[in-house]
Structures are given as structure tokens and as C-alpha cells.
Amino acid sequence: MARLLPIIAICCAAWVIYQVWVTEKDKKSKEEKLLWTLLALLFSIITAVIYFFGEKNKNNNNNSNNISDHDKTTWN
């Protein structure tokens, strides 16, 4: 287990950095990107959990609010 923890930490940090700089590159300012990167490098696993439940859910809620009225119609 002791050997697995650093590998998980590196993967978590890499995932957060990839999400911030590549996937959501147009949605965040450079300051936010640098902050998330710094947090990912210092507290990788905790940062990944916070990013996943906080930022990703916030982005999913914003996408669901952008649905047009045409797409909201229901068939009765």
C-alpha cells in the first residue's frame, strides 16, 4: 500500500492539471489555473476530490442550464 499511494497522488495531480489546462482552458483565468496547479502539486489527492465534486459538478450544472427551450419540451 505504501508504494501505491505516491502513484495515486501523481495520477490525481496529473488529472487535475490536465482538466484545468486542457479540458477547460477557455473557462478559467490564468490565476485560477495556476492556483489549481499549485494545489494539485501540493495536495494532490485532496485537490482531485475537491475539484471533482466542486468544479466539475458546477460545470455540469451550467451546461444543463444552457439547454434551449426547444430541448426542454416533453412529449405527452
Protein backbone atom coordinates (compact mmCIF):
# COMPACT_ATOMS: atom_id res chain seq x y z
CA MET A 1 0.00 0.00 0.00
CA ALA A 2 2.88 2.35 0.75
CA ARG A 3 4.14 2.02 -2.83
CA LEU A 4 0.72 2.60 -4.31
CA LEU A 5 -0.01 5.92 -2.56
CA PRO A 6 2.62 8.00 -4.43
CA ILE A 7 1.38 6.60 -7.75
CA ILE A 8 -2.20 7.54 -6.90
CA ALA A 9 -1.05 11.01 -5.81
CA ILE A 10 0.80 11.60 -9.08
CA CYS A 11 -2.19 10.40 -11.12
CA CYS A 12 -4.55 12.69 -9.19
CA ALA A 13 -2.28 15.70 -9.66
CA ALA A 14 -1.88 14.94 -13.37
CA TRP A 15 -5.66 14.58 -13.80
CA VAL A 16 -6.41 17.93 -12.13
CA ILE A 17 -3.69 19.71 -14.14
CA TYR A 18 -4.94 18.16 -17.38
CA GLN A 19 -8.54 19.13 -16.63
CA VAL A 20 -7.63 22.72 -15.81
CA TRP A 21 -5.15 23.41 -18.63
CA VAL A 22 -6.52 21.29 -21.48
CA THR A 23 -10.18 20.40 -20.99
CA GLU A 24 -11.37 23.70 -19.51
CA LYS A 25 -8.72 26.02 -20.94
CA ASP A 26 -11.19 28.69 -22.08
CA LYS A 27 -13.34 28.63 -18.93
CA LYS A 28 -10.73 29.59 -16.33
CA SER A 29 -8.42 32.57 -15.93
CA LYS A 30 -4.67 32.08 -15.71
CA GLU A 31 -4.78 32.85 -12.00
CA GLU A 32 -7.32 30.09 -11.41
CA LYS A 33 -5.27 27.66 -13.50
CA LEU A 34 -2.11 28.46 -11.55
CA LEU A 35 -3.92 28.12 -8.23
CA TRP A 36 -5.39 24.73 -9.16
CA THR A 37 -1.98 23.58 -10.44
CA LEU A 38 -0.24 24.64 -7.24
CA LEU A 39 -2.88 22.93 -5.12
CA ALA A 40 -2.66 19.79 -7.25
CA LEU A 41 1.10 19.63 -6.78
CA LEU A 42 0.91 20.21 -3.02
CA PHE A 43 -2.24 18.30 -2.03
CA SER A 44 -2.88 16.03 -4.99
CA ILE A 45 -5.49 13.57 -3.73
CA ILE A 46 -7.45 16.11 -1.67
CA THR A 47 -7.36 18.60 -4.55
CA ALA A 48 -8.60 15.99 -7.01
CA VAL A 49 -11.56 15.15 -4.77
CA ILE A 50 -12.43 18.82 -4.25
CA TYR A 51 -12.07 19.57 -7.96
CA PHE A 52 -14.18 16.59 -8.97
CA PHE A 53 -17.07 17.30 -6.60
CA GLY A 54 -16.85 21.10 -6.69
CA GLU A 55 -15.73 22.34 -10.07
CA LYS A 56 -16.87 19.51 -12.31
CA ASN A 57 -20.36 19.48 -10.78
CA LYS A 58 -20.53 23.27 -11.10
CA ASN A 59 -19.67 22.96 -14.80
CA ASN A 60 -22.23 20.20 -15.32
CA ASN A 61 -24.93 22.38 -13.73
CA ASN A 62 -24.01 25.28 -16.02
CA ASN A 63 -24.27 23.01 -19.08
CA SER A 64 -27.71 21.78 -18.06
CA ASN A 65 -28.90 25.38 -17.63
CA ASN A 66 -27.88 26.17 -21.22
CA ILE A 67 -30.43 23.79 -22.73
CA SER A 68 -32.72 25.62 -25.09
CA ASP A 69 -36.48 25.73 -24.57
CA HIS A 70 -36.89 23.50 -27.61
CA ASP A 71 -34.90 20.76 -25.90
CA LYS A 72 -36.94 21.08 -22.69
CA THR A 73 -40.24 20.18 -24.33
CA THR A 74 -41.78 16.95 -23.20
CA TRP A 75 -43.92 14.58 -25.13
CA ASN A 76 -47.27 13.82 -23.53
